[in-house]
Amino acid sequence: MDRETVGSVNRGRLQVEVRTEGRSEIVKPVGELDHHTADLLRAPLEEAIERGRVRVVIDCSQLEFCDSTGLNVLLGARLKAEAGGGGVHLAGMLPVVARVFEITGAEAVFTVHDSVEAALVH
């Protein structure tokens, strides 16, 4: 499969890695997603959607914390992607983050996969 590394940005408690794989953009937040770091994730998600990526996969395997601001970034990205004919898929959520999605009911509006690999084949 065609892989291209797009970049990585770091702001203290959150690092965001972005890579392209085929027609999918994989965005990997590492650390804590909260009101202090949300813009660091918002920017690459919006850029991926603007580039017309059909599938944006958010690799949550190293996302250790997500508050309501972070959740809103993900929900906003999902709405923008779907409006453009694409979708946002979540992959590899740690239990602490999955619990936030469960409590808020947000898991019902996302396609959630066990791994990035599973998200790329669906």
PDB file of N, CA and C in Angstrom:
ATOM      1  N   MET A   1       0.833  -1.169   0.000  1.00  0.00           N
ATOM      2  CA  MET A   1       0.000   0.000   0.000  1.00  0.00           C
ATOM      3  C   MET A   1       0.885   1.241   0.000  1.00  0.00           C
ATOM      4  N   ASP A   2       0.464   2.280  -0.673  1.00  0.00           N
ATOM      5  CA  ASP A   2       1.201   3.530  -0.768  1.00  0.00           C
ATOM      6  C   ASP A   2       1.162   4.262   0.568  1.00  0.00           C
ATOM      7  N   ARG A   3       2.346   4.542   1.135  1.00  0.00           N
ATOM      8  CA  ARG A   3       2.429   5.259   2.412  1.00  0.00           C
ATOM      9  C   ARG A   3       3.258   6.515   2.239  1.00  0.00           C
ATOM     10  N   GLU A   4       2.796   7.583   2.828  1.00  0.00           N
ATOM     11  CA  GLU A   4       3.516   8.851   2.790  1.00  0.00           C
ATOM     12  C   GLU A   4       3.373   9.505   4.157  1.00  0.00           C
ATOM     13  N   THR A   5       4.491   9.879   4.734  1.00  0.00           N
ATOM     14  CA  THR A   5       4.433  10.589   6.002  1.00  0.00           C
ATOM     15  C   THR A   5       4.215  12.058   5.710  1.00  0.00           C
ATOM     16  N   VAL A   6       3.213  12.630   6.333  1.00  0.00           N
ATOM     17  CA  VAL A   6       2.896  14.028   6.107  1.00  0.00           C
ATOM     18  C   VAL A   6       3.578  14.905   7.142  1.00  0.00           C
ATOM     19  N   GLY A   7       3.556  14.514   8.398  1.00  0.00           N
ATOM     20  CA  GLY A   7       4.221  15.344   9.386  1.00  0.00           C
ATOM     21  C   GLY A   7       3.855  15.005  10.811  1.00  0.00           C
ATOM     22  N   SER A   8       4.443  15.771  11.709  1.00  0.00           N
ATOM     23  CA  SER A   8       4.232  15.586  13.127  1.00  0.00           C
ATOM     24  C   SER A   8       4.369  16.939  13.809  1.00  0.00           C
ATOM     25  N   VAL A   9       3.454  17.225  14.726  1.00  0.00           N
ATOM     26  CA  VAL A   9       3.541  18.447  15.519  1.00  0.00           C
ATOM     27  C   VAL A   9       3.420  18.082  16.990  1.00  0.00           C
ATOM     28  N   ASN A  10       4.022  18.903  17.847  1.00  0.00           N
ATOM     29  CA  ASN A  10       4.079  18.580  19.266  1.00  0.00           C
ATOM     30  C   ASN A  10       3.821  19.851  20.075  1.00  0.00           C
ATOM     31  N   ARG A  11       2.920  19.748  21.038  1.00  0.00           N
ATOM     32  CA  ARG A  11       2.680  20.868  21.949  1.00  0.00           C
ATOM     33  C   ARG A  11       2.559  20.312  23.364  1.00  0.00           C
ATOM     34  N   GLY A  12       3.680  20.148  24.016  1.00  0.00           N
ATOM     35  CA  GLY A  12       3.668  19.703  25.405  1.00  0.00           C
ATOM     36  C   GLY A  12       3.020  18.348  25.609  1.00  0.00           C
ATOM     37  N   ARG A  13       1.767  18.361  26.056  1.00  0.00           N
ATOM     38  CA  ARG A  13       1.084  17.121  26.423  1.00  0.00           C
ATOM     39  C   ARG A  13       0.488  16.365  25.241  1.00  0.00           C
ATOM     40  N   LEU A  14       0.531  16.933  24.038  1.00  0.00           N
ATOM     41  CA  LEU A  14      -0.045  16.259  22.877  1.00  0.00           C
ATOM     42  C   LEU A  14       0.880  16.377  21.683  1.00  0.00           C
ATOM     43  N   GLN A  15       1.085  15.258  21.038  1.00  0.00           N
ATOM     44  CA  GLN A  15       1.808  15.207  19.775  1.00  0.00           C
ATOM     45  C   GLN A  15       0.847  14.613  18.761  1.00  0.00           C
ATOM     46  N   VAL A  16       0.834  15.155  17.551  1.00  0.00           N
ATOM     47  CA  VAL A  16      -0.048  14.641  16.511  1.00  0.00           C
ATOM     48  C   VAL A  16       0.806  14.252  15.308  1.00  0.00           C
ATOM     49  N   GLU A  17       0.710  12.986  14.938  1.00  0.00           N
ATOM     50  CA  GLU A  17       1.417  12.475  13.763  1.00  0.00           C
ATOM     51  C   GLU A  17       0.393  12.260  12.655  1.00  0.00           C
ATOM     52  N   VAL A  18       0.781  12.592  11.432  1.00  0.00           N
ATOM     53  CA  VAL A  18      -0.126  12.449  10.301  1.00  0.00           C
ATOM     54  C   VAL A  18       0.599  11.718   9.184  1.00  0.00           C
ATOM     55  N   ARG A  19      -0.082  10.739   8.601  1.00  0.00           N
ATOM     56  CA  ARG A  19       0.483  10.049   7.443  1.00  0.00           C
ATOM     57  C   ARG A  19      -0.650   9.687   6.489  1.00  0.00           C
ATOM     58  N   THR A  20      -0.284   9.535   5.241  1.00  0.00           N
ATOM     59  CA  THR A  20      -1.240   9.156   4.214  1.00  0.00           C
ATOM     60  C   THR A  20      -0.987   7.707   3.842  1.00  0.00           C
ATOM     61  N   GLU A  21      -2.052   6.961   3.740  1.00  0.00           N
ATOM     62  CA  GLU A  21      -1.948   5.572   3.308  1.00  0.00           C
ATOM     63  C   GLU A  21      -3.045   5.336   2.281  1.00  0.00           C
ATOM     64  N   GLY A  22      -2.647   5.259   1.003  1.00  0.00           N
ATOM     65  CA  GLY A  22      -3.638   5.146  -0.063  1.00  0.00           C
ATOM     66  C   GLY A  22      -4.498   6.396  -0.104  1.00  0.00           C
ATOM     67  N   ARG A  23      -5.809   6.219  -0.048  1.00  0.00           N
ATOM     68  CA  ARG A  23      -6.741   7.350  -0.056  1.00  0.00           C
ATOM     69  C   ARG A  23      -7.165   7.752   1.358  1.00  0.00           C
ATOM     70  N   SER A  24      -6.505   7.177   2.340  1.00  0.00           N
ATOM     71  CA  SER A  24      -6.839   7.464   3.735  1.00  0.00           C
ATOM     72  C   SER A  24      -5.763   8.332   4.377  1.00  0.00           C
ATOM     73  N   GLU A  25      -6.192   9.166   5.285  1.00  0.00           N
ATOM     74  CA  GLU A  25      -5.283   9.961   6.100  1.00  0.00           C
ATOM     75  C   GLU A  25      -5.354   9.375   7.507  1.00  0.00           C
ATOM     76  N   ILE A  26      -4.216   9.064   8.081  1.00  0.00           N
ATOM     77  CA  ILE A  26      -4.178   8.523   9.435  1.00  0.00           C
ATOM     78  C   ILE A  26      -3.607   9.601  10.343  1.00  0.00           C
ATOM     79  N   VAL A  27      -4.400   9.982  11.329  1.00  0.00           N
ATOM     80  CA  VAL A  27      -4.020  11.022  12.273  1.00  0.00           C
ATOM     81  C   VAL A  27      -3.889  10.354  13.639  1.00  0.00           C
ATOM     82  N   LYS A  28      -2.710  10.498  14.234  1.00  0.00           N
ATOM     83  CA  LYS A  28      -2.435   9.813  15.494  1.00  0.00           C
ATOM     84  C   LYS A  28      -2.114  10.814  16.597  1.00  0.00           C
ATOM     85  N   PRO A  29      -3.098  11.108  17.456  1.00  0.00           N
ATOM     86  CA  PRO A  29      -2.813  11.953  18.613  1.00  0.00           C
ATOM     87  C   PRO A  29      -2.171  11.106  19.719  1.00  0.00           C
ATOM     88  N   VAL A  30      -1.092  11.606  20.278  1.00  0.00           N
ATOM     89  CA  VAL A  30      -0.371  10.900  21.339  1.00  0.00           C
ATOM     90  C   VAL A  30      -0.345  11.809  22.565  1.00  0.00           C
ATOM     91  N   GLY A  31      -0.953  11.350  23.655  1.00  0.00           N
ATOM     92  CA  GLY A  31      -0.963  12.134  24.883  1.00  0.00           C
ATOM     93  C   GLY A  31      -2.358  12.533  25.303  1.00  0.00           C
ATOM     94  N   GLU A  32      -2.509  13.799  25.701  1.00  0.00           N
ATOM     95  CA  GLU A  32      -3.766  14.285  26.277  1.00  0.00           C
ATOM     96  C   GLU A  32      -4.434  15.302  25.354  1.00  0.00           C
ATOM     97  N   LEU A  33      -5.689  15.025  25.016  1.00  0.00           N
ATOM     98  CA  LEU A  33      -6.480  15.908  24.169  1.00  0.00           C
ATOM     99  C   LEU A  33      -7.475  16.643  25.058  1.00  0.00           C
ATOM    100  N   ASP A  34      -7.232  17.956  25.225  1.00  0.00           N
ATOM    101  CA  ASP A  34      -8.105  18.756  26.081  1.00  0.00           C
ATOM    102  C   ASP A  34      -8.202  20.172  25.519  1.00  0.00           C
ATOM    103  N   HIS A  35      -8.774  21.080  26.293  1.00  0.00           N
ATOM    104  CA  HIS A  35      -8.980  22.435  25.778  1.00  0.00           C
ATOM    105  C   HIS A  35      -7.674  23.169  25.487  1.00  0.00           C
ATOM    106  N   HIS A  36      -6.573  22.745  26.062  1.00  0.00           N
ATOM    107  CA  HIS A  36      -5.276  23.371  25.793  1.00  0.00           C
ATOM    108  C   HIS A  36      -4.632  22.842  24.514  1.00  0.00           C
ATOM    109  N   THR A  37      -4.982  21.628  24.116  1.00  0.00           N
ATOM    110  CA  THR A  37      -4.306  20.986  22.989  1.00  0.00           C
ATOM    111  C   THR A  37      -5.218  20.694  21.802  1.00  0.00           C
ATOM    112  N   ALA A  38      -6.491  21.005  21.921  1.00  0.00           N
ATOM    113  CA  ALA A  38      -7.471  20.624  20.891  1.00  0.00           C
ATOM    114  C   ALA A  38      -7.143  21.188  19.515  1.00  0.00           C
ATOM    115  N   ASP A  39      -6.662  22.426  19.449  1.00  0.00           N
ATOM    116  CA  ASP A  39      -6.351  23.021  18.141  1.00  0.00           C
ATOM    117  C   ASP A  39      -5.241  22.272  17.417  1.00  0.00           C
ATOM    118  N   LEU A  40      -4.366  21.646  18.181  1.00  0.00           N
ATOM    119  CA  LEU A  40      -3.274  20.873  17.595  1.00  0.00           C
ATOM    120  C   LEU A  40      -3.809  19.681  16.801  1.00  0.00           C
ATOM    121  N   LEU A  41      -4.944  19.133  17.210  1.00  0.00           N
ATOM    122  CA  LEU A  41      -5.574  18.040  16.471  1.00  0.00           C
ATOM    123  C   LEU A  41      -6.536  18.583  15.421  1.00  0.00           C
ATOM    124  N   ARG A  42      -7.236  19.661  15.730  1.00  0.00           N
ATOM    125  CA  ARG A  42      -8.229  20.219  14.809  1.00  0.00           C
ATOM    126  C   ARG A  42      -7.606  20.559  13.448  1.00  0.00           C
ATOM    127  N   ALA A  43      -6.454  21.190  13.454  1.00  0.00           N
ATOM    128  CA  ALA A  43      -5.821  21.645  12.212  1.00  0.00           C
ATOM    129  C   ALA A  43      -5.537  20.496  11.235  1.00  0.00           C
ATOM    130  N   PRO A  44      -4.846  19.423  11.636  1.00  0.00           N
ATOM    131  CA  PRO A  44      -4.586  18.360  10.658  1.00  0.00           C
ATOM    132  C   PRO A  44      -5.854  17.626  10.222  1.00  0.00           C
ATOM    133  N   LEU A  45      -6.858  17.548  11.099  1.00  0.00           N
ATOM    134  CA  LEU A  45      -8.111  16.917  10.689  1.00  0.00           C
ATOM    135  C   LEU A  45      -8.791  17.741   9.601  1.00  0.00           C
ATOM    136  N   GLU A  46      -8.854  19.051   9.802  1.00  0.00           N
ATOM    137  CA  GLU A  46      -9.473  19.919   8.809  1.00  0.00           C
ATOM    138  C   GLU A  46      -8.695  19.905   7.493  1.00  0.00           C
ATOM    139  N   GLU A  47      -7.366  19.873   7.570  1.00  0.00           N
ATOM    140  CA  GLU A  47      -6.539  19.818   6.364  1.00  0.00           C
ATOM    141  C   GLU A  47      -6.786  18.526   5.586  1.00  0.00           C
ATOM    142  N   ALA A  48      -6.891  17.418   6.291  1.00  0.00           N
ATOM    143  CA  ALA A  48      -7.153  16.135   5.624  1.00  0.00           C
ATOM    144  C   ALA A  48      -8.497  16.162   4.916  1.00  0.00           C
ATOM    145  N   ILE A  49      -9.494  16.705   5.568  1.00  0.00           N
ATOM    146  CA  ILE A  49     -10.834  16.770   4.989  1.00  0.00           C
ATOM    147  C   ILE A  49     -10.838  17.709   3.789  1.00  0.00           C
ATOM    148  N   GLU A  50     -10.156  18.848   3.909  1.00  0.00           N
ATOM    149  CA  GLU A  50     -10.078  19.802   2.797  1.00  0.00           C
ATOM    150  C   GLU A  50      -9.349  19.219   1.597  1.00  0.00           C
ATOM    151  N   ARG A  51      -8.377  18.324   1.839  1.00  0.00           N
ATOM    152  CA  ARG A  51      -7.664  17.666   0.737  1.00  0.00           C
ATOM    153  C   ARG A  51      -8.517  16.592   0.077  1.00  0.00           C
ATOM    154  N   GLY A  52      -9.692  16.352   0.631  1.00  0.00           N
ATOM    155  CA  GLY A  52     -10.607  15.394   0.018  1.00  0.00           C
ATOM    156  C   GLY A  52     -10.333  13.945   0.360  1.00  0.00           C
ATOM    157  N   ARG A  53      -9.685  13.701   1.468  1.00  0.00           N
ATOM    158  CA  ARG A  53      -9.466  12.315   1.883  1.00  0.00           C
ATOM    159  C   ARG A  53     -10.811  11.662   2.147  1.00  0.00           C
ATOM    160  N   VAL A  54     -11.020  10.512   1.534  1.00  0.00           N
ATOM    161  CA  VAL A  54     -12.286   9.802   1.677  1.00  0.00           C
ATOM    162  C   VAL A  54     -12.447   9.284   3.104  1.00  0.00           C
ATOM    163  N   ARG A  55     -11.356   8.803   3.662  1.00  0.00           N
ATOM    164  CA  ARG A  55     -11.407   8.229   5.006  1.00  0.00           C
ATOM    165  C   ARG A  55     -10.313   8.855   5.861  1.00  0.00           C
ATOM    166  N   VAL A  56     -10.729   9.387   6.986  1.00  0.00           N
ATOM    167  CA  VAL A  56      -9.775   9.882   7.971  1.00  0.00           C
ATOM    168  C   VAL A  56      -9.852   8.918   9.150  1.00  0.00           C
ATOM    169  N   VAL A  57      -8.731   8.283   9.430  1.00  0.00           N
ATOM    170  CA  VAL A  57      -8.657   7.327  10.533  1.00  0.00           C
ATOM    171  C   VAL A  57      -7.900   8.007  11.669  1.00  0.00           C
ATOM    172  N   ILE A  58      -8.519   8.049  12.818  1.00  0.00           N
ATOM    173  CA  ILE A  58      -7.859   8.602  13.994  1.00  0.00           C
ATOM    174  C   ILE A  58      -7.368   7.429  14.844  1.00  0.00           C
ATOM    175  N   ASP A  59      -6.061   7.288  14.885  1.00  0.00           N
ATOM    176  CA  ASP A  59      -5.425   6.211  15.649  1.00  0.00           C
ATOM    177  C   ASP A  59      -5.371   6.654  17.109  1.00  0.00           C
ATOM    178  N   CYS A  60      -6.270   6.124  17.910  1.00  0.00           N
ATOM    179  CA  CYS A  60      -6.397   6.526  19.324  1.00  0.00           C
ATOM    180  C   CYS A  60      -5.596   5.633  20.266  1.00  0.00           C
ATOM    181  N   SER A  61      -4.730   4.797  19.723  1.00  0.00           N
ATOM    182  CA  SER A  61      -4.029   3.805  20.543  1.00  0.00           C
ATOM    183  C   SER A  61      -3.090   4.412  21.577  1.00  0.00           C
ATOM    184  N   GLN A  62      -2.693   5.683  21.399  1.00  0.00           N
ATOM    185  CA  GLN A  62      -1.832   6.337  22.383  1.00  0.00           C
ATOM    186  C   GLN A  62      -2.450   7.634  22.901  1.00  0.00           C
ATOM    187  N   LEU A  63      -3.760   7.761  22.721  1.00  0.00           N
ATOM    188  CA  LEU A  63      -4.487   8.900  23.274  1.00  0.00           C
ATOM    189  C   LEU A  63      -4.868   8.526  24.699  1.00  0.00           C
ATOM    190  N   GLU A  64      -4.260   9.210  25.666  1.00  0.00           N
ATOM    191  CA  GLU A  64      -4.401   8.849  27.070  1.00  0.00           C
ATOM    192  C   GLU A  64      -5.551   9.548  27.777  1.00  0.00           C
ATOM    193  N   PHE A  65      -6.025  10.657  27.191  1.00  0.00           N
ATOM    194  CA  PHE A  65      -7.086  11.434  27.831  1.00  0.00           C
ATOM    195  C   PHE A  65      -7.813  12.235  26.768  1.00  0.00           C
ATOM    196  N   CYS A  66      -9.122  12.375  26.927  1.00  0.00           N
ATOM    197  CA  CYS A  66      -9.913  13.192  26.011  1.00  0.00           C
ATOM    198  C   CYS A  66     -11.042  13.823  26.813  1.00  0.00           C
ATOM    199  N   ASP A  67     -11.083  15.172  26.827  1.00  0.00           N
ATOM    200  CA  ASP A  67     -12.170  15.847  27.517  1.00  0.00           C
ATOM    201  C   ASP A  67     -13.236  16.277  26.508  1.00  0.00           C
ATOM    202  N   SER A  68     -14.205  17.064  26.959  1.00  0.00           N
ATOM    203  CA  SER A  68     -15.318  17.455  26.091  1.00  0.00           C
ATOM    204  C   SER A  68     -14.856  18.316  24.919  1.00  0.00           C
ATOM    205  N   THR A  69     -13.822  19.118  25.099  1.00  0.00           N
ATOM    206  CA  THR A  69     -13.307  19.928  23.993  1.00  0.00           C
ATOM    207  C   THR A  69     -12.721  19.032  22.914  1.00  0.00           C
ATOM    208  N   GLY A  70     -11.959  18.034  23.333  1.00  0.00           N
ATOM    209  CA  GLY A  70     -11.399  17.076  22.374  1.00  0.00           C
ATOM    210  C   GLY A  70     -12.485  16.304  21.656  1.00  0.00           C
ATOM    211  N   LEU A  71     -13.491  15.901  22.401  1.00  0.00           N
ATOM    212  CA  LEU A  71     -14.620  15.188  21.808  1.00  0.00           C
ATOM    213  C   LEU A  71     -15.309  16.060  20.760  1.00  0.00           C
ATOM    214  N   ASN A  72     -15.465  17.343  21.057  1.00  0.00           N
ATOM    215  CA  ASN A  72     -16.089  18.255  20.100  1.00  0.00           C
ATOM    216  C   ASN A  72     -15.255  18.420  18.837  1.00  0.00           C
ATOM    217  N   VAL A  73     -13.938  18.388  18.942  1.00  0.00           N
ATOM    218  CA  VAL A  73     -13.074  18.443  17.759  1.00  0.00           C
ATOM    219  C   VAL A  73     -13.343  17.230  16.873  1.00  0.00           C
ATOM    220  N   LEU A  74     -13.429  16.068  17.484  1.00  0.00           N
ATOM    221  CA  LEU A  74     -13.677  14.843  16.722  1.00  0.00           C
ATOM    222  C   LEU A  74     -15.063  14.845  16.095  1.00  0.00           C
ATOM    223  N   LEU A  75     -16.061  15.296  16.844  1.00  0.00           N
ATOM    224  CA  LEU A  75     -17.421  15.368  16.311  1.00  0.00           C
ATOM    225  C   LEU A  75     -17.511  16.362  15.159  1.00  0.00           C
ATOM    226  N   GLY A  76     -16.843  17.505  15.295  1.00  0.00           N
ATOM    227  CA  GLY A  76     -16.837  18.489  14.219  1.00  0.00           C
ATOM    228  C   GLY A  76     -16.179  17.956  12.961  1.00  0.00           C
ATOM    229  N   ALA A  77     -15.083  17.239  13.123  1.00  0.00           N
ATOM    230  CA  ALA A  77     -14.397  16.642  11.975  1.00  0.00           C
ATOM    231  C   ALA A  77     -15.294  15.619  11.289  1.00  0.00           C
ATOM    232  N   ARG A  78     -16.011  14.849  12.084  1.00  0.00           N
ATOM    233  CA  ARG A  78     -16.922  13.853  11.504  1.00  0.00           C
ATOM    234  C   ARG A  78     -17.995  14.532  10.658  1.00  0.00           C
ATOM    235  N   LEU A  79     -18.575  15.587  11.157  1.00  0.00           N
ATOM    236  CA  LEU A  79     -19.616  16.300  10.408  1.00  0.00           C
ATOM    237  C   LEU A  79     -19.078  16.881   9.106  1.00  0.00           C
ATOM    238  N   LYS A  80     -17.898  17.495   9.156  1.00  0.00           N
ATOM    239  CA  LYS A  80     -17.298  18.070   7.945  1.00  0.00           C
ATOM    240  C   LYS A  80     -16.949  16.987   6.932  1.00  0.00           C
ATOM    241  N   ALA A  81     -16.410  15.882   7.415  1.00  0.00           N
ATOM    242  CA  ALA A  81     -16.038  14.792   6.504  1.00  0.00           C
ATOM    243  C   ALA A  81     -17.273  14.211   5.833  1.00  0.00           C
ATOM    244  N   GLU A  82     -18.317  13.971   6.601  1.00  0.00           N
ATOM    245  CA  GLU A  82     -19.536  13.396   6.032  1.00  0.00           C
ATOM    246  C   GLU A  82     -20.204  14.358   5.052  1.00  0.00           C
ATOM    247  N   ALA A  83     -20.136  15.654   5.323  1.00  0.00           N
ATOM    248  CA  ALA A  83     -20.709  16.643   4.404  1.00  0.00           C
ATOM    249  C   ALA A  83     -19.993  16.611   3.061  1.00  0.00           C
ATOM    250  N   GLY A  84     -18.709  16.222   3.075  1.00  0.00           N
ATOM    251  CA  GLY A  84     -17.924  16.127   1.849  1.00  0.00           C
ATOM    252  C   GLY A  84     -17.906  14.740   1.246  1.00  0.00           C
ATOM    253  N   GLY A  85     -18.728  13.828   1.764  1.00  0.00           N
ATOM    254  CA  GLY A  85     -18.794  12.474   1.226  1.00  0.00           C
ATOM    255  C   GLY A  85     -17.799  11.502   1.814  1.00  0.00           C
ATOM    256  N   GLY A  86     -17.112  11.903   2.877  1.00  0.00           N
ATOM    257  CA  GLY A  86     -16.130  11.032   3.512  1.00  0.00           C
ATOM    258  C   GLY A  86     -16.580  10.583   4.880  1.00  0.00           C
ATOM    259  N   GLY A  87     -15.623  10.129   5.663  1.00  0.00           N
ATOM    260  CA  GLY A  87     -15.954   9.679   7.005  1.00  0.00           C
ATOM    261  C   GLY A  87     -14.749   9.707   7.917  1.00  0.00           C
ATOM    262  N   VAL A  88     -15.041   9.750   9.201  1.00  0.00           N
ATOM    263  CA  VAL A  88     -14.010   9.698  10.234  1.00  0.00           C
ATOM    264  C   VAL A  88     -14.194   8.391  10.988  1.00  0.00           C
ATOM    265  N   HIS A  89     -13.112   7.636  11.088  1.00  0.00           N
ATOM    266  CA  HIS A  89     -13.123   6.355  11.788  1.00  0.00           C
ATOM    267  C   HIS A  89     -12.163   6.436  12.958  1.00  0.00           C
ATOM    268  N   LEU A  90     -12.555   5.872  14.077  1.00  0.00           N
ATOM    269  CA  LEU A  90     -11.703   5.824  15.256  1.00  0.00           C
ATOM    270  C   LEU A  90     -11.140   4.415  15.390  1.00  0.00           C
ATOM    271  N   ALA A  91      -9.889   4.324  15.805  1.00  0.00           N
ATOM    272  CA  ALA A  91      -9.251   3.012  15.906  1.00  0.00           C
ATOM    273  C   ALA A  91      -8.429   2.897  17.170  1.00  0.00           C
ATOM    274  N   GLY A  92      -8.480   1.719  17.782  1.00  0.00           N
ATOM    275  CA  GLY A  92      -7.593   1.375  18.888  1.00  0.00           C
ATOM    276  C   GLY A  92      -7.762   2.201  20.145  1.00  0.00           C
ATOM    277  N   MET A  93      -8.980   2.542  20.501  1.00  0.00           N
ATOM    278  CA  MET A  93      -9.193   3.385  21.685  1.00  0.00           C
ATOM    279  C   MET A  93      -8.810   2.665  22.968  1.00  0.00           C
ATOM    280  N   LEU A  94      -8.076   3.369  23.819  1.00  0.00           N
ATOM    281  CA  LEU A  94      -7.779   2.867  25.156  1.00  0.00           C
ATOM    282  C   LEU A  94      -9.058   2.921  25.990  1.00  0.00           C
ATOM    283  N   PRO A  95      -9.194   2.054  26.991  1.00  0.00           N
ATOM    284  CA  PRO A  95     -10.429   2.016  27.794  1.00  0.00           C
ATOM    285  C   PRO A  95     -10.826   3.362  28.410  1.00  0.00           C
ATOM    286  N   VAL A  96      -9.857   4.146  28.878  1.00  0.00           N
ATOM    287  CA  VAL A  96     -10.185   5.420  29.517  1.00  0.00           C
ATOM    288  C   VAL A  96     -10.827   6.389  28.518  1.00  0.00           C
ATOM    289  N   VAL A  97     -10.391   6.375  27.275  1.00  0.00           N
ATOM    290  CA  VAL A  97     -10.972   7.239  26.247  1.00  0.00           C
ATOM    291  C   VAL A  97     -12.287   6.647  25.750  1.00  0.00           C
ATOM    292  N   ALA A  98     -12.325   5.347  25.584  1.00  0.00           N
ATOM    293  CA  ALA A  98     -13.560   4.690  25.147  1.00  0.00           C
ATOM    294  C   ALA A  98     -14.694   4.972  26.129  1.00  0.00           C
ATOM    295  N   ARG A  99     -14.365   5.074  27.401  1.00  0.00           N
ATOM    296  CA  ARG A  99     -15.373   5.347  28.426  1.00  0.00           C
ATOM    297  C   ARG A  99     -16.019   6.724  28.227  1.00  0.00           C
ATOM    298  N   VAL A 100     -15.244   7.718  27.842  1.00  0.00           N
ATOM    299  CA  VAL A 100     -15.775   9.051  27.562  1.00  0.00           C
ATOM    300  C   VAL A 100     -16.785   8.975  26.420  1.00  0.00           C
ATOM    301  N   PHE A 101     -16.455   8.222  25.391  1.00  0.00           N
ATOM    302  CA  PHE A 101     -17.350   8.075  24.252  1.00  0.00           C
ATOM    303  C   PHE A 101     -18.611   7.320  24.646  1.00  0.00           C
ATOM    304  N   GLU A 102     -18.454   6.330  25.515  1.00  0.00           N
ATOM    305  CA  GLU A 102     -19.598   5.555  25.990  1.00  0.00           C
ATOM    306  C   GLU A 102     -20.532   6.414  26.844  1.00  0.00           C
ATOM    307  N   ILE A 103     -19.974   7.150  27.785  1.00  0.00           N
ATOM    308  CA  ILE A 103     -20.767   7.980  28.692  1.00  0.00           C
ATOM    309  C   ILE A 103     -21.562   9.039  27.933  1.00  0.00           C
ATOM    310  N   THR A 104     -20.930   9.638  26.930  1.00  0.00           N
ATOM    311  CA  THR A 104     -21.575  10.721  26.187  1.00  0.00           C
ATOM    312  C   THR A 104     -22.463  10.221  25.052  1.00  0.00           C
ATOM    313  N   GLY A 105     -22.345   8.942  24.718  1.00  0.00           N
ATOM    314  CA  GLY A 105     -23.116   8.402  23.597  1.00  0.00           C
ATOM    315  C   GLY A 105     -22.457   8.655  22.253  1.00  0.00           C
ATOM    316  N   ALA A 106     -21.267   9.237  22.254  1.00  0.00           N
ATOM    317  CA  ALA A 106     -20.585   9.573  21.005  1.00  0.00           C
ATOM    318  C   ALA A 106     -20.159   8.343  20.215  1.00  0.00           C
ATOM    319  N   GLU A 107     -19.985   7.208  20.888  1.00  0.00           N
ATOM    320  CA  GLU A 107     -19.568   6.001  20.138  1.00  0.00           C
ATOM    321  C   GLU A 107     -20.635   5.587  19.142  1.00  0.00           C
ATOM    322  N   ALA A 108     -21.881   6.018  19.348  1.00  0.00           N
ATOM    323  CA  ALA A 108     -22.969   5.663  18.433  1.00  0.00           C
ATOM    324  C   ALA A 108     -22.876   6.407  17.102  1.00  0.00           C
ATOM    325  N   VAL A 109     -22.143   7.520  17.038  1.00  0.00           N
ATOM    326  CA  VAL A 109     -22.074   8.293  15.800  1.00  0.00           C
ATOM    327  C   VAL A 109     -20.763   8.100  15.053  1.00  0.00           C
ATOM    328  N   PHE A 110     -19.825   7.375  15.638  1.00  0.00           N
ATOM    329  CA  PHE A 110     -18.558   7.077  14.985  1.00  0.00           C
ATOM    330  C   PHE A 110     -18.482   5.610  14.607  1.00  0.00           C
ATOM    331  N   THR A 111     -17.720   5.335  13.569  1.00  0.00           N
ATOM    332  CA  THR A 111     -17.349   3.963  13.267  1.00  0.00           C
ATOM    333  C   THR A 111     -16.069   3.697  14.045  1.00  0.00           C
ATOM    334  N   VAL A 112     -16.119   2.721  14.949  1.00  0.00           N
ATOM    335  CA  VAL A 112     -14.986   2.426  15.828  1.00  0.00           C
ATOM    336  C   VAL A 112     -14.425   1.059  15.458  1.00  0.00           C
ATOM    337  N   HIS A 113     -13.106   1.003  15.312  1.00  0.00           N
ATOM    338  CA  HIS A 113     -12.415  -0.238  14.943  1.00  0.00           C
ATOM    339  C   HIS A 113     -11.401  -0.599  16.019  1.00  0.00           C
ATOM    340  N   ASP A 114     -11.078  -1.871  16.093  1.00  0.00           N
ATOM    341  CA  ASP A 114     -10.092  -2.334  17.070  1.00  0.00           C
ATOM    342  C   ASP A 114      -8.678  -1.858  16.736  1.00  0.00           C
ATOM    343  N   SER A 115      -8.394  -1.657  15.443  1.00  0.00           N
ATOM    344  CA  SER A 115      -7.042  -1.275  15.035  1.00  0.00           C
ATOM    345  C   SER A 115      -7.107  -0.399  13.784  1.00  0.00           C
ATOM    346  N   VAL A 116      -6.006   0.258  13.510  1.00  0.00           N
ATOM    347  CA  VAL A 116      -5.897   1.065  12.278  1.00  0.00           C
ATOM    348  C   VAL A 116      -6.044   0.167  11.065  1.00  0.00           C
ATOM    349  N   GLU A 117      -5.432  -0.989  11.119  1.00  0.00           N
ATOM    350  CA  GLU A 117      -5.501  -1.917   9.989  1.00  0.00           C
ATOM    351  C   GLU A 117      -6.942  -2.288   9.685  1.00  0.00           C
ATOM    352  N   ALA A 118      -7.736  -2.551  10.721  1.00  0.00           N
ATOM    353  CA  ALA A 118      -9.145  -2.881  10.520  1.00  0.00           C
ATOM    354  C   ALA A 118      -9.903  -1.692   9.940  1.00  0.00           C
ATOM    355  N   ALA A 119      -9.568  -0.487  10.371  1.00  0.00           N
ATOM    356  CA  ALA A 119     -10.245   0.716   9.861  1.00  0.00           C
ATOM    357  C   ALA A 119      -9.927   0.933   8.384  1.00  0.00           C
ATOM    358  N   LEU A 120      -8.733   0.568   7.964  1.00  0.00           N
ATOM    359  CA  LEU A 120      -8.343   0.788   6.581  1.00  0.00           C
ATOM    360  C   LEU A 120      -9.008  -0.171   5.601  1.00  0.00           C
ATOM    361  N   VAL A 121      -9.434  -1.324   6.073  1.00  0.00           N
ATOM    362  CA  VAL A 121     -10.063  -2.298   5.164  1.00  0.00           C
ATOM    363  C   VAL A 121     -11.576  -2.184   5.114  1.00  0.00           C
ATOM    364  N   HIS A 122     -12.173  -1.405   5.986  1.00  0.00           N
ATOM    365  CA  HIS A 122     -13.628  -1.244   5.988  1.00  0.00           C
ATOM    366  C   HIS A 122     -14.035  -0.002   5.236  1.00  0.00           C
TER     367      HIS A 122
END
